[in-house]
N, C-alpha and C. Protein backbone atom coordinates (compact mmCIF):
# COMPACT_ATOMS: atom_id res chain seq x y z
N MET A 1 168.57 169.60 93.57
CA MET A 1 167.86 168.26 93.88
C MET A 1 166.78 168.24 94.87
N GLN A 2 166.15 167.44 94.87
CA GLN A 2 164.76 167.34 95.83
C GLN A 2 165.24 166.69 97.18
N GLU A 3 164.37 166.92 97.94
CA GLU A 3 164.74 166.37 99.46
C GLU A 3 163.76 165.32 99.89
N ASN A 4 162.92 164.77 98.99
CA ASN A 4 161.98 163.90 99.35
C ASN A 4 162.67 162.53 100.16
N PHE A 5 163.82 162.15 99.71
CA PHE A 5 164.51 160.97 100.03
C PHE A 5 165.62 161.12 101.14
N ARG A 6 165.53 162.34 101.92
CA ARG A 6 166.59 162.48 102.73
C ARG A 6 166.55 161.59 103.72
N PHE A 7 167.54 161.29 104.69
CA PHE A 7 167.73 160.21 105.61
C PHE A 7 166.67 159.83 106.39
N ASP A 8 165.96 160.85 107.10
CA ASP A 8 165.02 160.71 108.03
C ASP A 8 163.51 160.79 107.37
N SER A 9 163.46 160.69 106.13
CA SER A 9 162.18 160.66 105.29
C SER A 9 161.53 159.48 105.82
N GLY A 10 160.26 159.53 105.85
CA GLY A 10 159.26 158.31 106.15
C GLY A 10 159.27 157.39 104.93
N LEU A 11 159.62 157.87 103.65
CA LEU A 11 159.70 157.01 102.52
C LEU A 11 160.62 155.94 102.65
N TRP A 12 161.56 155.96 103.42
CA TRP A 12 162.65 154.86 103.45
C TRP A 12 161.83 153.83 104.42
N SER A 13 160.95 154.18 105.38
CA SER A 13 160.41 153.27 106.45
C SER A 13 158.90 152.83 106.33
N ASN A 14 158.47 153.24 105.06
CA ASN A 14 156.99 152.94 104.93
C ASN A 14 156.82 152.00 103.76
N ASN A 15 155.54 151.49 103.79
CA ASN A 15 155.12 150.57 102.37
C ASN A 15 154.28 151.25 101.60
N GLU A 16 154.46 152.58 101.27
CA GLU A 16 153.66 153.33 100.38
C GLU A 16 154.51 153.78 99.10
N THR A 17 153.68 153.70 98.04
CA THR A 17 154.46 154.12 96.80
C THR A 17 154.63 155.67 96.77
N PHE A 18 155.51 156.02 95.83
CA PHE A 18 155.65 157.60 95.62
C PHE A 18 155.77 157.93 94.17
N ASN A 19 154.94 158.80 93.77
CA ASN A 19 155.16 159.26 92.37
C ASN A 19 155.19 158.04 91.34
N LEU A 20 154.07 157.29 91.27
CA LEU A 20 154.21 156.17 90.35
C LEU A 20 154.46 156.51 88.87
N VAL A 21 154.01 157.69 88.45
CA VAL A 21 154.11 158.02 87.18
C VAL A 21 155.68 158.25 86.91
N GLY A 22 156.54 158.41 87.74
CA GLY A 22 157.91 158.54 87.49
C GLY A 22 158.49 157.28 87.08
N ARG A 23 157.77 156.05 87.31
CA ARG A 23 158.48 154.68 86.72
C ARG A 23 158.31 154.70 85.14
N LYS A 24 157.69 155.67 84.57
CA LYS A 24 157.59 155.40 82.98
C LYS A 24 158.60 156.39 82.29
N THR A 25 159.28 157.18 83.11
CA THR A 25 160.03 158.29 82.42
C THR A 25 161.56 157.93 82.30
N GLY A 26 161.95 156.76 82.92
CA GLY A 26 163.33 156.29 82.75
C GLY A 26 164.29 157.03 83.66
N LEU A 27 165.58 156.94 83.32
CA LEU A 27 166.60 157.58 84.23
C LEU A 27 166.76 158.98 83.96
N ASP A 28 165.84 159.75 84.69
CA ASP A 28 165.70 161.13 84.60
C ASP A 28 165.61 161.77 86.03
N THR A 29 165.03 162.87 86.12
CA THR A 29 164.95 163.58 87.49
C THR A 29 163.63 163.40 88.29
N GLN A 30 163.01 162.27 87.83
CA GLN A 30 161.54 162.07 88.40
C GLN A 30 161.81 161.20 89.65
N GLU A 31 161.68 161.49 90.73
CA GLU A 31 161.96 160.67 91.92
C GLU A 31 160.64 159.76 92.06
N THR A 32 160.75 158.36 92.28
CA THR A 32 159.82 157.61 92.45
C THR A 32 159.96 156.43 93.37
N LYS A 33 159.07 155.75 93.98
CA LYS A 33 159.27 154.52 94.88
C LYS A 33 158.21 153.63 94.38
N LEU A 34 158.52 152.34 94.27
CA LEU A 34 157.67 151.40 93.51
C LEU A 34 157.53 150.24 94.62
N PRO A 35 156.34 149.63 94.46
CA PRO A 35 156.14 148.46 95.45
C PRO A 35 157.31 147.45 95.56
N GLY A 36 158.16 147.34 94.58
CA GLY A 36 159.34 146.50 94.81
C GLY A 36 160.16 146.81 95.86
N TYR A 37 160.14 147.98 96.32
CA TYR A 37 160.99 148.28 97.55
C TYR A 37 160.82 147.52 98.66
N TRP A 38 159.58 147.20 98.79
CA TRP A 38 159.31 146.37 100.09
C TRP A 38 158.82 144.82 99.70
N ASN A 39 158.54 144.51 98.45
CA ASN A 39 158.10 143.13 98.14
C ASN A 39 158.76 142.33 97.06
N ALA A 40 160.05 142.84 96.90
CA ALA A 40 160.89 142.08 95.75
C ALA A 40 162.07 141.66 96.53
N PRO A 41 162.33 140.32 96.58
CA PRO A 41 163.66 139.84 97.17
C PRO A 41 164.86 140.10 96.03
N PHE A 42 165.96 140.27 96.50
CA PHE A 42 167.14 140.51 95.45
C PHE A 42 168.36 139.85 95.95
N SER A 43 169.30 139.72 94.96
CA SER A 43 170.68 139.16 95.07
C SER A 43 171.51 140.44 94.72
N LYS A 44 171.21 141.44 93.99
CA LYS A 44 172.05 142.38 93.59
C LYS A 44 171.42 143.81 93.70
N ILE A 45 172.13 144.83 94.12
CA ILE A 45 171.63 146.12 94.02
C ILE A 45 172.48 146.85 93.03
N CYS A 46 172.02 147.55 91.93
CA CYS A 46 172.76 148.32 91.17
C CYS A 46 172.23 150.05 91.62
N ILE A 47 173.19 150.55 92.07
CA ILE A 47 173.07 152.10 92.45
C ILE A 47 173.80 152.92 91.48
N GLY A 48 173.41 154.03 91.29
CA GLY A 48 173.87 155.08 90.34
C GLY A 48 173.76 156.37 90.63
N MET A 49 174.43 157.30 90.01
CA MET A 49 174.38 158.76 90.33
C MET A 49 174.53 159.37 88.95
N LYS A 50 174.00 160.41 88.75
CA LYS A 50 174.22 161.35 87.62
C LYS A 50 174.73 162.58 87.88
N VAL A 51 175.96 162.88 87.69
CA VAL A 51 176.52 164.11 87.74
C VAL A 51 176.72 164.70 86.25
N ARG A 52 177.46 164.18 85.41
CA ARG A 52 177.35 164.58 84.05
C ARG A 52 176.87 163.48 83.22
N ASP A 53 177.36 162.31 83.39
CA ASP A 53 176.68 160.96 82.78
C ASP A 53 176.27 160.19 83.99
N HIS A 54 175.56 159.29 83.66
CA HIS A 54 175.22 158.13 84.70
C HIS A 54 176.44 157.19 85.00
N GLN A 55 176.62 156.95 86.38
CA GLN A 55 177.73 156.05 86.78
C GLN A 55 177.00 155.17 87.62
N PHE A 56 177.31 153.83 87.65
CA PHE A 56 176.64 152.83 88.29
C PHE A 56 177.76 151.86 88.91
N ILE A 57 177.49 151.26 90.13
CA ILE A 57 178.18 150.15 90.81
C ILE A 57 177.25 149.24 91.21
N LEU A 58 177.71 148.00 91.50
CA LEU A 58 176.95 146.83 91.86
C LEU A 58 177.24 146.50 93.11
N ILE A 59 176.31 145.94 93.98
CA ILE A 59 176.28 145.63 95.34
C ILE A 59 175.83 144.13 95.40
N ASN A 60 176.60 143.21 95.64
CA ASN A 60 176.11 141.80 95.66
C ASN A 60 175.66 141.54 96.98
N ASN A 61 174.37 141.41 97.33
CA ASN A 61 173.81 141.20 98.72
C ASN A 61 172.39 140.55 98.56
N MET A 62 172.05 139.63 99.29
CA MET A 62 170.84 138.92 99.29
C MET A 62 169.89 139.45 100.42
N ALA A 63 168.77 139.78 100.15
CA ALA A 63 167.61 140.15 101.11
C ALA A 63 166.34 139.85 100.58
N ASP A 64 165.24 139.93 101.59
CA ASP A 64 163.81 139.75 101.21
C ASP A 64 163.26 140.87 100.41
N SER A 65 163.90 142.21 100.62
CA SER A 65 163.61 143.18 99.84
C SER A 65 164.52 144.49 100.41
N LEU A 66 164.69 145.54 99.68
CA LEU A 66 165.46 146.71 99.87
C LEU A 66 164.75 147.20 101.44
N TYR A 67 163.46 147.26 101.41
CA TYR A 67 162.96 147.68 102.67
C TYR A 67 163.59 147.01 103.75
N SER A 68 163.47 145.69 103.75
CA SER A 68 164.06 144.98 104.85
C SER A 68 165.68 145.25 105.27
N PHE A 69 166.39 145.82 104.32
CA PHE A 69 167.61 146.10 104.54
C PHE A 69 167.92 147.49 104.98
N VAL A 70 166.79 148.40 104.75
CA VAL A 70 166.95 149.86 105.06
C VAL A 70 166.08 150.30 106.16
N ALA A 71 164.84 150.04 106.25
CA ALA A 71 163.93 150.43 106.92
C ALA A 71 164.09 150.48 108.49
N ASP A 72 164.74 149.50 108.92
CA ASP A 72 164.90 149.40 110.51
C ASP A 72 166.11 150.46 110.83
N GLY A 73 166.82 150.95 110.09
CA GLY A 73 167.80 151.85 110.38
C GLY A 73 169.22 151.18 110.97
N GLN A 74 169.24 149.86 111.07
CA GLN A 74 170.34 148.93 111.50
C GLN A 74 171.39 149.20 110.48
N TYR A 75 172.68 149.45 110.99
CA TYR A 75 173.99 149.49 109.91
C TYR A 75 174.10 147.98 109.40
N ARG A 76 174.39 148.05 108.18
CA ARG A 76 174.82 146.73 107.51
C ARG A 76 176.00 147.14 106.46
N SER A 77 177.09 146.59 106.97
CA SER A 77 178.23 146.94 106.10
C SER A 77 178.43 146.55 104.72
N THR A 78 179.34 146.95 103.87
CA THR A 78 179.63 146.46 102.58
C THR A 78 181.05 146.74 102.45
N THR A 79 181.61 146.11 101.52
CA THR A 79 183.24 146.02 101.33
C THR A 79 183.59 146.55 99.83
N LEU A 80 182.74 147.42 99.28
CA LEU A 80 183.22 148.08 98.04
C LEU A 80 184.49 148.79 97.98
N GLY A 81 184.72 149.51 99.06
CA GLY A 81 185.87 150.35 99.22
C GLY A 81 185.82 151.75 98.71
N ARG A 82 186.49 152.75 99.19
CA ARG A 82 186.36 154.09 98.91
C ARG A 82 186.46 154.53 97.41
N ASP A 83 187.38 153.77 96.78
CA ASP A 83 187.56 154.19 95.27
C ASP A 83 186.30 153.70 94.41
N THR A 84 185.75 152.56 94.85
CA THR A 84 184.56 152.17 94.01
C THR A 84 183.35 153.33 94.42
N TRP A 85 183.19 153.72 95.55
CA TRP A 85 182.10 154.72 95.78
C TRP A 85 182.50 155.90 95.01
N LYS A 86 183.75 156.40 95.15
CA LYS A 86 184.02 157.72 94.46
C LYS A 86 183.82 157.57 92.79
N THR A 87 183.66 156.61 92.39
CA THR A 87 183.33 156.37 90.90
C THR A 87 181.87 156.69 90.58
N LEU A 88 181.00 156.86 91.57
CA LEU A 88 179.82 157.21 91.24
C LEU A 88 179.67 158.73 90.87
N ILE A 89 180.57 159.48 91.59
CA ILE A 89 180.71 160.99 91.34
C ILE A 89 181.67 161.19 90.04
N GLY A 90 182.69 160.41 90.09
CA GLY A 90 183.66 160.69 88.99
C GLY A 90 184.85 161.42 89.49
N PRO A 91 185.64 161.96 88.58
CA PRO A 91 187.02 162.69 89.15
C PRO A 91 186.74 163.76 89.92
N GLU A 92 185.64 164.40 90.30
CA GLU A 92 185.48 165.49 91.15
C GLU A 92 185.28 164.92 92.53
N ALA A 93 185.10 163.56 92.80
CA ALA A 93 184.60 163.03 94.01
C ALA A 93 185.82 163.34 95.14
N SER A 94 185.27 163.58 96.36
CA SER A 94 186.20 163.97 97.50
C SER A 94 185.80 163.26 98.66
N LEU A 95 186.64 162.67 99.43
CA LEU A 95 186.34 162.08 100.76
C LEU A 95 187.62 162.29 101.66
N GLN A 96 187.33 162.35 102.88
CA GLN A 96 188.42 162.55 103.75
C GLN A 96 189.02 161.15 103.85
N ALA A 97 190.31 160.93 104.33
CA ALA A 97 190.98 159.78 104.21
C ALA A 97 190.68 158.53 105.21
N ASN A 98 190.12 159.12 106.33
CA ASN A 98 189.89 157.89 107.37
C ASN A 98 188.57 157.59 107.46
N CYS A 99 188.21 156.64 108.37
CA CYS A 99 186.96 156.09 108.76
C CYS A 99 186.49 155.11 107.65
N ASN A 100 185.98 155.63 106.46
CA ASN A 100 185.67 154.69 105.33
C ASN A 100 184.54 153.83 105.74
N LYS A 101 183.63 154.17 106.59
CA LYS A 101 182.43 153.20 106.95
C LYS A 101 181.58 153.25 105.96
N GLU A 102 181.26 152.28 105.37
CA GLU A 102 180.33 152.16 104.11
C GLU A 102 179.29 150.99 104.35
N GLY A 103 178.20 151.21 103.58
CA GLY A 103 177.16 150.24 103.52
C GLY A 103 175.72 151.03 103.50
N PHE A 104 174.92 150.18 104.32
CA PHE A 104 173.45 150.64 104.64
C PHE A 104 173.28 151.20 105.92
N ASN A 105 172.51 152.31 106.08
CA ASN A 105 172.13 152.97 107.26
C ASN A 105 173.56 153.39 108.12
N VAL A 106 174.34 154.04 107.26
CA VAL A 106 175.83 154.47 107.89
C VAL A 106 175.63 155.82 108.47
N ALA A 107 176.27 155.93 109.70
CA ALA A 107 175.91 157.17 110.60
C ALA A 107 177.27 157.38 111.29
N SER A 108 177.50 158.63 111.40
CA SER A 108 178.52 159.06 112.27
C SER A 108 178.37 160.80 112.48
N GLY A 109 178.32 160.98 113.85
CA GLY A 109 177.99 162.44 114.28
C GLY A 109 176.56 162.77 113.54
N SER A 110 176.81 163.75 112.79
CA SER A 110 175.58 164.36 112.11
C SER A 110 175.32 163.58 110.79
N ASN A 111 176.54 163.19 110.13
CA ASN A 111 176.37 162.55 108.92
C ASN A 111 175.90 161.32 108.77
N LYS A 112 174.90 161.04 107.87
CA LYS A 112 174.19 159.70 107.62
C LYS A 112 174.14 159.50 106.28
N ALA A 113 173.95 158.07 106.00
CA ALA A 113 173.41 157.85 104.49
C ALA A 113 172.72 156.37 104.71
N ARG A 114 171.55 156.45 103.93
CA ARG A 114 170.91 154.97 103.87
C ARG A 114 171.57 154.16 102.97
N ILE A 115 172.34 154.56 102.16
CA ILE A 115 173.29 153.81 101.39
C ILE A 115 174.43 154.65 101.07
N GLY A 116 175.74 154.30 101.43
CA GLY A 116 176.93 155.23 101.10
C GLY A 116 178.14 154.95 101.94
N ILE A 117 178.96 155.86 101.98
CA ILE A 117 180.35 155.81 102.70
C ILE A 117 180.57 157.12 103.37
N LEU A 118 181.24 157.17 104.66
CA LEU A 118 181.50 158.28 105.32
C LEU A 118 183.09 158.39 105.34
N GLY A 119 183.62 159.53 105.27
CA GLY A 119 184.97 159.77 105.46
C GLY A 119 185.17 160.78 106.71
N ASN A 120 186.54 160.64 107.36
CA ASN A 120 186.79 161.50 108.40
C ASN A 120 188.31 162.06 108.31
N ASN A 121 188.63 163.29 108.68
CA ASN A 121 189.84 163.71 108.68
C ASN A 121 190.68 163.17 109.88
N GLU A 122 190.02 162.83 110.88
CA GLU A 122 190.68 162.39 112.07
C GLU A 122 190.72 160.70 112.11
N ASP A 123 191.48 160.11 112.91
CA ASP A 123 191.68 158.68 112.80
C ASP A 123 190.59 157.83 113.37
N ASP A 124 189.39 158.38 113.07
CA ASP A 124 188.35 157.50 113.88
C ASP A 124 187.12 157.70 112.97
N CYS A 125 186.01 157.27 113.31
CA CYS A 125 184.61 157.62 112.77
C CYS A 125 183.96 158.48 113.64
N GLY A 126 184.43 159.12 114.56
CA GLY A 126 183.68 160.09 115.53
C GLY A 126 182.80 161.18 115.06
N ASN A 127 183.37 161.87 114.09
CA ASN A 127 182.65 163.08 113.69
C ASN A 127 182.96 163.33 112.12
N CYS A 128 182.49 162.49 111.27
CA CYS A 128 182.77 162.49 109.79
C CYS A 128 182.46 163.88 109.12
N ASP A 129 183.00 164.20 108.32
CA ASP A 129 182.77 165.66 107.53
C ASP A 129 182.86 165.27 106.31
N SER A 130 182.76 164.12 105.65
CA SER A 130 182.62 163.91 104.20
C SER A 130 181.64 162.73 103.95
N ARG A 131 180.99 162.45 102.95
CA ARG A 131 180.21 161.35 102.56
C ARG A 131 179.81 161.33 101.10
N ILE A 132 179.69 160.19 100.58
CA ILE A 132 179.00 159.95 99.27
C ILE A 132 177.83 159.14 99.53
N GLY A 133 176.67 159.20 99.08
CA GLY A 133 175.66 158.35 99.23
C GLY A 133 174.30 158.76 98.64
N PHE A 134 173.45 158.06 99.18
CA PHE A 134 171.93 157.97 98.90
C PHE A 134 171.13 158.31 100.16
N GLY A 135 170.06 159.07 100.15
CA GLY A 135 169.39 159.29 101.41
C GLY A 135 170.20 159.73 102.63
N THR A 136 170.90 160.89 102.24
CA THR A 136 171.97 161.46 103.13
C THR A 136 171.30 162.53 103.89
N ALA A 137 172.06 162.95 104.97
CA ALA A 137 171.95 164.08 105.84
C ALA A 137 173.10 164.49 106.53
N GLY A 138 173.13 165.65 107.14
CA GLY A 138 174.30 166.02 107.99
C GLY A 138 174.94 167.28 107.34
N TRP A 139 175.97 167.58 107.99
CA TRP A 139 176.95 168.75 107.80
C TRP A 139 177.73 168.52 106.88
N PRO A 140 178.22 169.47 106.09
CA PRO A 140 177.93 170.89 106.08
C PRO A 140 176.77 171.20 105.14
N ASP A 141 176.22 170.22 104.42
CA ASP A 141 175.01 170.73 103.76
C ASP A 141 173.91 169.78 103.96
N ASP A 142 173.12 169.96 104.93
CA ASP A 142 171.93 168.98 105.23
C ASP A 142 170.90 168.86 104.04
N SER A 143 170.91 169.70 103.13
CA SER A 143 169.87 169.62 102.12
C SER A 143 170.48 168.60 100.95
N ASN A 144 171.67 168.22 101.02
CA ASN A 144 172.26 167.46 99.91
C ASN A 144 171.92 165.81 100.44
N THR A 145 170.96 165.43 99.62
CA THR A 145 170.26 164.12 100.23
C THR A 145 170.82 163.02 99.24
N CYS A 146 171.60 163.23 98.20
CA CYS A 146 172.22 162.41 97.24
C CYS A 146 173.36 162.98 96.57
N GLY A 147 174.60 162.51 96.73
CA GLY A 147 175.66 163.09 96.22
C GLY A 147 176.98 162.84 97.14
N ASN A 148 177.67 164.05 97.00
CA ASN A 148 179.17 164.05 97.84
C ASN A 148 179.18 165.40 98.55
N GLU A 149 179.42 165.30 99.74
CA GLU A 149 179.89 166.47 100.58
C GLU A 149 181.22 166.13 101.26
N ALA A 150 182.03 167.09 101.25
CA ALA A 150 183.46 166.96 101.71
C ALA A 150 183.98 168.32 102.18
N VAL A 151 184.50 168.38 103.35
CA VAL A 151 185.06 169.67 103.80
C VAL A 151 186.15 169.19 104.78
N ILE A 152 187.21 170.22 105.32
CA ILE A 152 188.15 169.91 106.09
C ILE A 152 189.03 168.81 105.75
N GLY A 153 189.65 169.02 104.49
CA GLY A 153 190.77 168.03 104.07
C GLY A 153 190.20 166.84 103.35
N GLY A 154 189.17 167.05 102.48
CA GLY A 154 188.59 165.97 101.54
C GLY A 154 189.73 165.78 100.78
N GLY A 155 190.01 164.61 100.12
CA GLY A 155 191.10 164.30 99.41
C GLY A 155 191.16 164.95 97.99
N ASN A 156 190.13 165.58 97.59
CA ASN A 156 189.94 166.22 96.37
C ASN A 156 189.36 167.86 96.57
N GLY A 157 189.63 168.20 97.81
CA GLY A 157 189.19 169.46 98.39
C GLY A 157 187.74 169.46 98.59
N ASP A 158 187.21 170.71 98.96
CA ASP A 158 185.75 170.91 99.51
C ASP A 158 184.97 170.65 98.28
N LYS A 159 183.85 169.75 98.55
CA LYS A 159 182.87 169.51 97.44
C LYS A 159 181.52 169.49 97.99
N HIS A 160 180.51 169.91 97.13
CA HIS A 160 179.19 170.17 97.56
C HIS A 160 178.42 169.64 96.22
N ILE A 161 178.55 168.25 95.96
CA ILE A 161 177.82 167.84 94.64
C ILE A 161 176.67 167.20 94.87
N LYS A 162 175.54 167.88 94.34
CA LYS A 162 174.27 167.20 94.45
C LYS A 162 173.92 166.43 93.07
N THR A 163 173.40 165.33 93.43
CA THR A 163 173.08 164.47 92.22
C THR A 163 171.73 163.80 92.04
N MET A 164 171.45 163.22 91.03
CA MET A 164 170.10 162.32 91.08
C MET A 164 170.72 160.76 91.14
N GLY A 165 169.87 160.10 92.09
CA GLY A 165 170.35 158.65 92.51
C GLY A 165 169.43 157.79 91.86
N TYR A 166 169.91 156.71 91.60
CA TYR A 166 169.09 155.62 91.03
C TYR A 166 169.51 154.28 91.83
N ILE A 167 168.48 153.49 92.41
CA ILE A 167 168.57 152.34 93.17
C ILE A 167 167.63 151.29 92.44
N MET A 168 168.42 150.23 91.87
CA MET A 168 167.55 149.29 91.30
C MET A 168 167.99 147.85 91.95
N ALA A 169 167.07 147.08 92.36
CA ALA A 169 167.40 145.66 92.95
C ALA A 169 166.85 144.59 91.85
N GLN A 170 167.91 143.54 91.73
CA GLN A 170 167.70 142.31 90.83
C GLN A 170 167.49 141.16 91.76
């Protein structure tokens, strides 16, 4: 997968489009960022990943735009729960049992996600070694910007699953 939308990419914090042609191709591997990212209010966000099939979950939240929720880097929690996040990956998903910090701009140690959940083998969020999310970065595979990373006691073993992610606001 591509690294255009890694956690520290300027695409999360600017008001510029990216690959507008990609909006015409549907749910494929064309990365795109449309003006709705910074100018469309929403009450729901549908996020999805494609491992084999497309899997989607819904986040009910209101904001002026996804940009206003993500670009400032401020942590905003969600309450979906680890099992819901794991459905994005499917039966191969793996997260460590503790921490379970989820939402927008989630960070712990080197692991970060613009939208996602972090897990840890220790009984805190001090240095997480697993994640499922969008716009991610960190250990053990910093190049995995969307998907699932888990090592050191992930509930379903070590995983390095890179996916295509989809974020749609309504």
